[in-house]
Amino acid sequence: MSSRVKDKKSCCSAVEHGGEPSVTDCCAASDAAKNPPAKKGQIDIDFMYLDLGICTRCRGAQSSLEDAIAEVSRVLETTGIRVKVRNIHITSEQQAAELGFVVSPTIRVNNRDIQMNFRESRCESCGTLCDCEEGVSCREWEYQGQWYTVPPKGLIIETILKAVYGGDGQEAKTVEQSRRVPDSLKRFFAAAHKK
């Protein structure tokens, strides 16, 4: 069971599985700094994106994430673990810098990117959003030796289960709060704000 609640800034919604919905103001920079580690018995997932209206990659990533959570939360709920998802609409270069957002879409589990080794390719749908001459690049995901424009459900489920039950012995990299926004995102925001 899931519920969606839009916050008053209309850029973020929170979804909780196994509990009451809560409103989270993801747009405020101070909240990113105050974001505490996941509570015991809870998995925190951030889904960060540029656009859900036009971008096929962002919509596909959201759908894949929702499907993965629907499958894995049934298992986690039986062990008393709740899944809390925050959808964060990145609307400015400043917000991207404050949240360490360097590629769209991004999925983080307990403040760790589910895949640090990504690549980017031209995203036609995001290019139409901003009419950027040079285009906009969006993320591709690697899973089992292949690259995808939408994160495979298996990748997301594996990451969530590793966060809960331990992984393959490799230490996951914590998200670095980089203040540097990539040129592709700078072009996107500059052109989008001119419209």
C-alpha atoms as a PDB file:
ATOM      1  CA  MET A   1       0.000   0.000   0.000  1.00  0.00           C
ATOM      2  CA  SER A   2       1.300   3.410  -0.837  1.00  0.00           C
ATOM      3  CA  SER A   3       0.118   6.966  -0.568  1.00  0.00           C
ATOM      4  CA  ARG A   4       1.381  10.039  -2.306  1.00  0.00           C
ATOM      5  CA  VAL A   5       1.332  13.449  -0.716  1.00  0.00           C
ATOM      6  CA  LYS A   6       2.468  16.568  -2.561  1.00  0.00           C
ATOM      7  CA  ASP A   7       4.242  19.141  -0.473  1.00  0.00           C
ATOM      8  CA  LYS A   8       3.371  22.814  -0.558  1.00  0.00           C
ATOM      9  CA  LYS A   9       6.191  23.611  -3.003  1.00  0.00           C
ATOM     10  CA  SER A  10       4.911  21.015  -5.505  1.00  0.00           C
ATOM     11  CA  CYS A  11       8.358  19.651  -6.201  1.00  0.00           C
ATOM     12  CA  CYS A  12       8.492  16.678  -3.913  1.00  0.00           C
ATOM     13  CA  SER A  13       6.275  13.936  -2.669  1.00  0.00           C
ATOM     14  CA  ALA A  14       6.794  11.276  -0.100  1.00  0.00           C
ATOM     15  CA  VAL A  15       5.617   7.717  -0.262  1.00  0.00           C
ATOM     16  CA  GLU A  16       5.685   5.355   2.657  1.00  0.00           C
ATOM     17  CA  HIS A  17       5.044   1.652   2.510  1.00  0.00           C
ATOM     18  CA  GLY A  18       3.906   0.074   5.740  1.00  0.00           C
ATOM     19  CA  GLY A  19       3.060   3.298   7.532  1.00  0.00           C
ATOM     20  CA  GLU A  20       1.275   6.625   7.360  1.00  0.00           C
ATOM     21  CA  PRO A  21       2.220   9.015   4.563  1.00  0.00           C
ATOM     22  CA  SER A  22       4.402  11.928   5.513  1.00  0.00           C
ATOM     23  CA  VAL A  23       5.110  15.221   3.805  1.00  0.00           C
ATOM     24  CA  THR A  24       8.757  16.031   3.184  1.00  0.00           C
ATOM     25  CA  ASP A  25       9.988  19.393   1.911  1.00  0.00           C
ATOM     26  CA  CYS A  26      12.746  18.156  -0.387  1.00  0.00           C
ATOM     27  CA  CYS A  27      13.269  21.504  -2.071  1.00  0.00           C
ATOM     28  CA  ALA A  28      14.766  23.255   0.916  1.00  0.00           C
ATOM     29  CA  ALA A  29      18.545  23.111   0.947  1.00  0.00           C
ATOM     30  CA  SER A  30      18.600  22.918   4.711  1.00  0.00           C
ATOM     31  CA  ASP A  31      16.649  19.656   4.591  1.00  0.00           C
ATOM     32  CA  ALA A  32      19.348  18.030   2.453  1.00  0.00           C
ATOM     33  CA  ALA A  33      21.911  18.890   5.106  1.00  0.00           C
ATOM     34  CA  LYS A  34      19.593  17.805   7.935  1.00  0.00           C
ATOM     35  CA  ASN A  35      18.614  14.510   6.254  1.00  0.00           C
ATOM     36  CA  PRO A  36      19.418  12.004   8.994  1.00  0.00           C
ATOM     37  CA  PRO A  37      20.526   8.460   8.284  1.00  0.00           C
ATOM     38  CA  ALA A  38      17.761   5.920   7.858  1.00  0.00           C
ATOM     39  CA  LYS A  39      15.914   4.941  11.000  1.00  0.00           C
ATOM     40  CA  LYS A  40      16.377   1.425  12.269  1.00  0.00           C
ATOM     41  CA  GLY A  41      13.801  -0.674  10.519  1.00  0.00           C
ATOM     42  CA  GLN A  42      13.454   1.769   7.637  1.00  0.00           C
ATOM     43  CA  ILE A  43      14.948   2.110   4.158  1.00  0.00           C
ATOM     44  CA  ASP A  44      15.057   5.651   2.742  1.00  0.00           C
ATOM     45  CA  ILE A  45      14.973   5.978  -1.029  1.00  0.00           C
ATOM     46  CA  ASP A  46      15.372   9.257  -2.914  1.00  0.00           C
ATOM     47  CA  PHE A  47      14.257   9.414  -6.528  1.00  0.00           C
ATOM     48  CA  MET A  48      15.683  12.579  -8.108  1.00  0.00           C
ATOM     49  CA  TYR A  49      14.655  13.704 -11.582  1.00  0.00           C
ATOM     50  CA  LEU A  50      14.413  16.627 -14.012  1.00  0.00           C
ATOM     51  CA  ASP A  51      10.978  15.978 -15.482  1.00  0.00           C
ATOM     52  CA  LEU A  52       8.212  13.403 -15.238  1.00  0.00           C
ATOM     53  CA  GLY A  53       5.944  14.984 -17.812  1.00  0.00           C
ATOM     54  CA  ILE A  54       8.100  14.615 -20.922  1.00  0.00           C
ATOM     55  CA  CYS A  55      11.332  12.787 -20.082  1.00  0.00           C
ATOM     56  CA  THR A  56      10.901   9.131 -21.010  1.00  0.00           C
ATOM     57  CA  ARG A  57      13.928   8.112 -18.926  1.00  0.00           C
ATOM     58  CA  CYS A  58      12.663   9.802 -15.774  1.00  0.00           C
ATOM     59  CA  ARG A  59       9.189   8.296 -16.210  1.00  0.00           C
ATOM     60  CA  GLY A  60      10.685   4.873 -16.927  1.00  0.00           C
ATOM     61  CA  ALA A  61      12.943   5.080 -13.862  1.00  0.00           C
ATOM     62  CA  GLN A  62      10.010   6.055 -11.666  1.00  0.00           C
ATOM     63  CA  SER A  63       7.935   3.154 -12.986  1.00  0.00           C
ATOM     64  CA  SER A  64      10.789   0.680 -12.493  1.00  0.00           C
ATOM     65  CA  LEU A  65      11.370   1.986  -8.963  1.00  0.00           C
ATOM     66  CA  GLU A  66       7.677   1.693  -8.077  1.00  0.00           C
ATOM     67  CA  ASP A  67       7.543  -1.875  -9.433  1.00  0.00           C
ATOM     68  CA  ALA A  68      10.689  -2.857  -7.525  1.00  0.00           C
ATOM     69  CA  ILE A  69       9.405  -1.362  -4.278  1.00  0.00           C
ATOM     70  CA  ALA A  70       6.044  -3.102  -4.687  1.00  0.00           C
ATOM     71  CA  GLU A  71       7.831  -6.449  -4.939  1.00  0.00           C
ATOM     72  CA  VAL A  72      10.470  -6.000  -2.252  1.00  0.00           C
ATOM     73  CA  SER A  73       8.330  -4.188   0.314  1.00  0.00           C
ATOM     74  CA  ARG A  74       6.158  -7.281   0.792  1.00  0.00           C
ATOM     75  CA  VAL A  75       9.247  -9.168   1.949  1.00  0.00           C
ATOM     76  CA  LEU A  76      10.587  -6.280   4.027  1.00  0.00           C
ATOM     77  CA  GLU A  77       7.283  -5.616   5.784  1.00  0.00           C
ATOM     78  CA  THR A  78       7.234  -9.157   7.119  1.00  0.00           C
ATOM     79  CA  THR A  79      10.551  -8.425   8.839  1.00  0.00           C
ATOM     80  CA  GLY A  80       9.381  -5.070  10.194  1.00  0.00           C
ATOM     81  CA  ILE A  81      11.244  -2.867   7.710  1.00  0.00           C
ATOM     82  CA  ARG A  82       9.433   0.064   6.112  1.00  0.00           C
ATOM     83  CA  VAL A  83      10.351   1.631   2.781  1.00  0.00           C
ATOM     84  CA  LYS A  84      10.107   5.415   2.578  1.00  0.00           C
ATOM     85  CA  VAL A  85      10.432   7.043  -0.864  1.00  0.00           C
ATOM     86  CA  ARG A  86      10.920  10.729  -1.602  1.00  0.00           C
ATOM     87  CA  ASN A  87      10.410  11.945  -5.145  1.00  0.00           C
ATOM     88  CA  ILE A  88      12.561  15.039  -5.604  1.00  0.00           C
ATOM     89  CA  HIS A  89      11.980  17.253  -8.633  1.00  0.00           C
ATOM     90  CA  ILE A  90      15.229  19.104  -9.349  1.00  0.00           C
ATOM     91  CA  THR A  91      14.234  22.537 -10.624  1.00  0.00           C
ATOM     92  CA  SER A  92      17.401  24.647 -10.475  1.00  0.00           C
ATOM     93  CA  GLU A  93      21.174  24.546 -10.731  1.00  0.00           C
ATOM     94  CA  GLN A  94      21.391  25.689  -7.106  1.00  0.00           C
ATOM     95  CA  GLN A  95      19.207  22.829  -5.903  1.00  0.00           C
ATOM     96  CA  ALA A  96      21.228  20.350  -7.975  1.00  0.00           C
ATOM     97  CA  ALA A  97      24.446  21.599  -6.356  1.00  0.00           C
ATOM     98  CA  GLU A  98      22.994  21.509  -2.844  1.00  0.00           C
ATOM     99  CA  LEU A  99      21.808  17.907  -3.254  1.00  0.00           C
ATOM    100  CA  GLY A 100      24.895  16.648  -5.107  1.00  0.00           C
ATOM    101  CA  PHE A 101      22.700  15.845  -8.115  1.00  0.00           C
ATOM    102  CA  VAL A 102      24.942  15.253 -11.137  1.00  0.00           C
ATOM    103  CA  VAL A 103      22.820  13.116 -13.462  1.00  0.00           C
ATOM    104  CA  SER A 104      19.133  12.569 -14.127  1.00  0.00           C
ATOM    105  CA  PRO A 105      17.483  10.406 -13.038  1.00  0.00           C
ATOM    106  CA  THR A 106      19.182   9.384  -9.791  1.00  0.00           C
ATOM    107  CA  ILE A 107      18.061   6.797  -7.247  1.00  0.00           C
ATOM    108  CA  ARG A 108      19.668   6.734  -3.798  1.00  0.00           C
ATOM    109  CA  VAL A 109      19.124   4.109  -1.122  1.00  0.00           C
ATOM    110  CA  ASN A 110      20.027   5.364   2.352  1.00  0.00           C
ATOM    111  CA  ASN A 111      21.819   8.317   0.730  1.00  0.00           C
ATOM    112  CA  ARG A 112      23.920   6.081  -1.549  1.00  0.00           C
ATOM    113  CA  ASP A 113      23.575   6.114  -5.314  1.00  0.00           C
ATOM    114  CA  ILE A 114      22.421   2.690  -6.447  1.00  0.00           C
ATOM    115  CA  GLN A 115      25.042   2.773  -9.187  1.00  0.00           C
ATOM    116  CA  MET A 116      28.114   4.962  -9.138  1.00  0.00           C
ATOM    117  CA  ASN A 117      29.449   3.760 -12.518  1.00  0.00           C
ATOM    118  CA  PHE A 118      26.936   5.314 -14.868  1.00  0.00           C
ATOM    119  CA  ARG A 119      27.242   6.798 -18.313  1.00  0.00           C
ATOM    120  CA  GLU A 120      25.174   9.401 -20.071  1.00  0.00           C
ATOM    121  CA  SER A 121      23.730   9.698 -23.551  1.00  0.00           C
ATOM    122  CA  ARG A 122      21.724  12.322 -25.369  1.00  0.00           C
ATOM    123  CA  CYS A 123      18.121  12.442 -24.191  1.00  0.00           C
ATOM    124  CA  GLU A 124      15.860  13.733 -26.940  1.00  0.00           C
ATOM    125  CA  SER A 125      12.880  14.267 -24.650  1.00  0.00           C
ATOM    126  CA  CYS A 126      14.838  16.480 -22.213  1.00  0.00           C
ATOM    127  CA  GLY A 127      16.264  18.416 -25.147  1.00  0.00           C
ATOM    128  CA  THR A 128      12.721  19.379 -26.156  1.00  0.00           C
ATOM    129  CA  LEU A 129      12.036  20.611 -22.617  1.00  0.00           C
ATOM    130  CA  CYS A 130      14.695  23.283 -22.819  1.00  0.00           C
ATOM    131  CA  ASP A 131      15.295  23.633 -26.586  1.00  0.00           C
ATOM    132  CA  CYS A 132      19.019  23.192 -25.879  1.00  0.00           C
ATOM    133  CA  GLU A 133      21.070  23.309 -29.081  1.00  0.00           C
ATOM    134  CA  GLU A 134      23.747  21.017 -27.669  1.00  0.00           C
ATOM    135  CA  GLY A 135      21.141  18.724 -26.167  1.00  0.00           C
ATOM    136  CA  VAL A 136      20.855  17.242 -22.721  1.00  0.00           C
ATOM    137  CA  SER A 137      22.404  14.006 -21.551  1.00  0.00           C
ATOM    138  CA  CYS A 138      20.572  11.670 -19.200  1.00  0.00           C
ATOM    139  CA  ARG A 139      21.720   8.612 -17.311  1.00  0.00           C
ATOM    140  CA  GLU A 140      22.153   5.059 -18.501  1.00  0.00           C
ATOM    141  CA  TRP A 141      22.300   2.128 -16.070  1.00  0.00           C
ATOM    142  CA  GLU A 142      24.554  -0.924 -16.232  1.00  0.00           C
ATOM    143  CA  TYR A 143      23.161  -4.248 -15.078  1.00  0.00           C
ATOM    144  CA  GLN A 144      24.575  -7.710 -15.664  1.00  0.00           C
ATOM    145  CA  GLY A 145      26.901  -6.490 -18.422  1.00  0.00           C
ATOM    146  CA  GLN A 146      24.335  -4.503 -20.409  1.00  0.00           C
ATOM    147  CA  TRP A 147      23.367  -0.817 -20.522  1.00  0.00           C
ATOM    148  CA  TYR A 148      19.802   0.444 -20.167  1.00  0.00           C
ATOM    149  CA  THR A 149      18.121   3.856 -20.413  1.00  0.00           C
ATOM    150  CA  VAL A 150      15.768   2.788 -17.596  1.00  0.00           C
ATOM    151  CA  PRO A 151      17.094   1.105 -14.441  1.00  0.00           C
ATOM    152  CA  PRO A 152      16.200  -2.593 -14.456  1.00  0.00           C
ATOM    153  CA  LYS A 153      13.935  -3.646 -11.601  1.00  0.00           C
ATOM    154  CA  GLY A 154      16.486  -6.307 -10.580  1.00  0.00           C
ATOM    155  CA  LEU A 155      19.184  -3.659 -10.032  1.00  0.00           C
ATOM    156  CA  ILE A 156      16.930  -1.706  -7.684  1.00  0.00           C
ATOM    157  CA  ILE A 157      15.779  -4.780  -5.755  1.00  0.00           C
ATOM    158  CA  GLU A 158      19.362  -6.039  -5.324  1.00  0.00           C
ATOM    159  CA  THR A 159      20.459  -2.641  -4.003  1.00  0.00           C
ATOM    160  CA  ILE A 160      17.615  -2.448  -1.496  1.00  0.00           C
ATOM    161  CA  LEU A 161      18.238  -5.984  -0.236  1.00  0.00           C
ATOM    162  CA  LYS A 162      21.979  -5.302   0.110  1.00  0.00           C
ATOM    163  CA  ALA A 163      21.191  -2.172   2.139  1.00  0.00           C
ATOM    164  CA  VAL A 164      19.003  -4.210   4.480  1.00  0.00           C
ATOM    165  CA  TYR A 165      20.810  -7.531   4.724  1.00  0.00           C
ATOM    166  CA  GLY A 166      24.379  -6.693   3.797  1.00  0.00           C
ATOM    167  CA  GLY A 167      26.041  -6.908   0.456  1.00  0.00           C
ATOM    168  CA  ASP A 168      28.808  -8.608  -1.355  1.00  0.00           C
ATOM    169  CA  GLY A 169      31.433  -7.311   1.047  1.00  0.00           C
ATOM    170  CA  GLN A 170      32.149  -4.169  -0.948  1.00  0.00           C
ATOM    171  CA  GLU A 171      31.609  -0.900   0.844  1.00  0.00           C
ATOM    172  CA  ALA A 172      29.026   1.233  -0.936  1.00  0.00           C
ATOM    173  CA  LYS A 173      30.156   4.734  -1.768  1.00  0.00           C
ATOM    174  CA  THR A 174      28.345   7.455   0.124  1.00  0.00           C
ATOM    175  CA  VAL A 175      26.963  10.280  -1.971  1.00  0.00           C
ATOM    176  CA  GLU A 176      29.433  13.105  -2.171  1.00  0.00           C
ATOM    177  CA  GLN A 177      27.700  16.431  -1.849  1.00  0.00           C
ATOM    178  CA  SER A 178      29.474  17.863  -4.874  1.00  0.00           C
ATOM    179  CA  ARG A 179      28.855  21.542  -5.464  1.00  0.00           C
ATOM    180  CA  ARG A 180      29.858  21.169  -9.128  1.00  0.00           C
ATOM    181  CA  VAL A 181      26.937  20.919 -11.509  1.00  0.00           C
ATOM    182  CA  PRO A 182      27.796  19.250 -14.844  1.00  0.00           C
ATOM    183  CA  ASP A 183      27.656  21.378 -18.002  1.00  0.00           C
ATOM    184  CA  SER A 184      24.745  19.356 -19.383  1.00  0.00           C
ATOM    185  CA  LEU A 185      22.582  20.244 -16.376  1.00  0.00           C
ATOM    186  CA  LYS A 186      23.725  23.885 -16.474  1.00  0.00           C
ATOM    187  CA  ARG A 187      22.595  24.107 -20.120  1.00  0.00           C
ATOM    188  CA  PHE A 188      19.291  22.487 -19.260  1.00  0.00           C
ATOM    189  CA  PHE A 189      18.491  24.842 -16.388  1.00  0.00           C
ATOM    190  CA  ALA A 190      19.668  27.959 -18.236  1.00  0.00           C
ATOM    191  CA  ALA A 191      17.544  27.185 -21.285  1.00  0.00           C
ATOM    192  CA  ALA A 192      14.551  25.957 -19.268  1.00  0.00           C
ATOM    193  CA  HIS A 193      14.398  29.161 -17.235  1.00  0.00           C
ATOM    194  CA  LYS A 194      14.372  31.255 -20.428  1.00  0.00           C
ATOM    195  CA  LYS A 195      11.146  29.572 -21.578  1.00  0.00           C
END
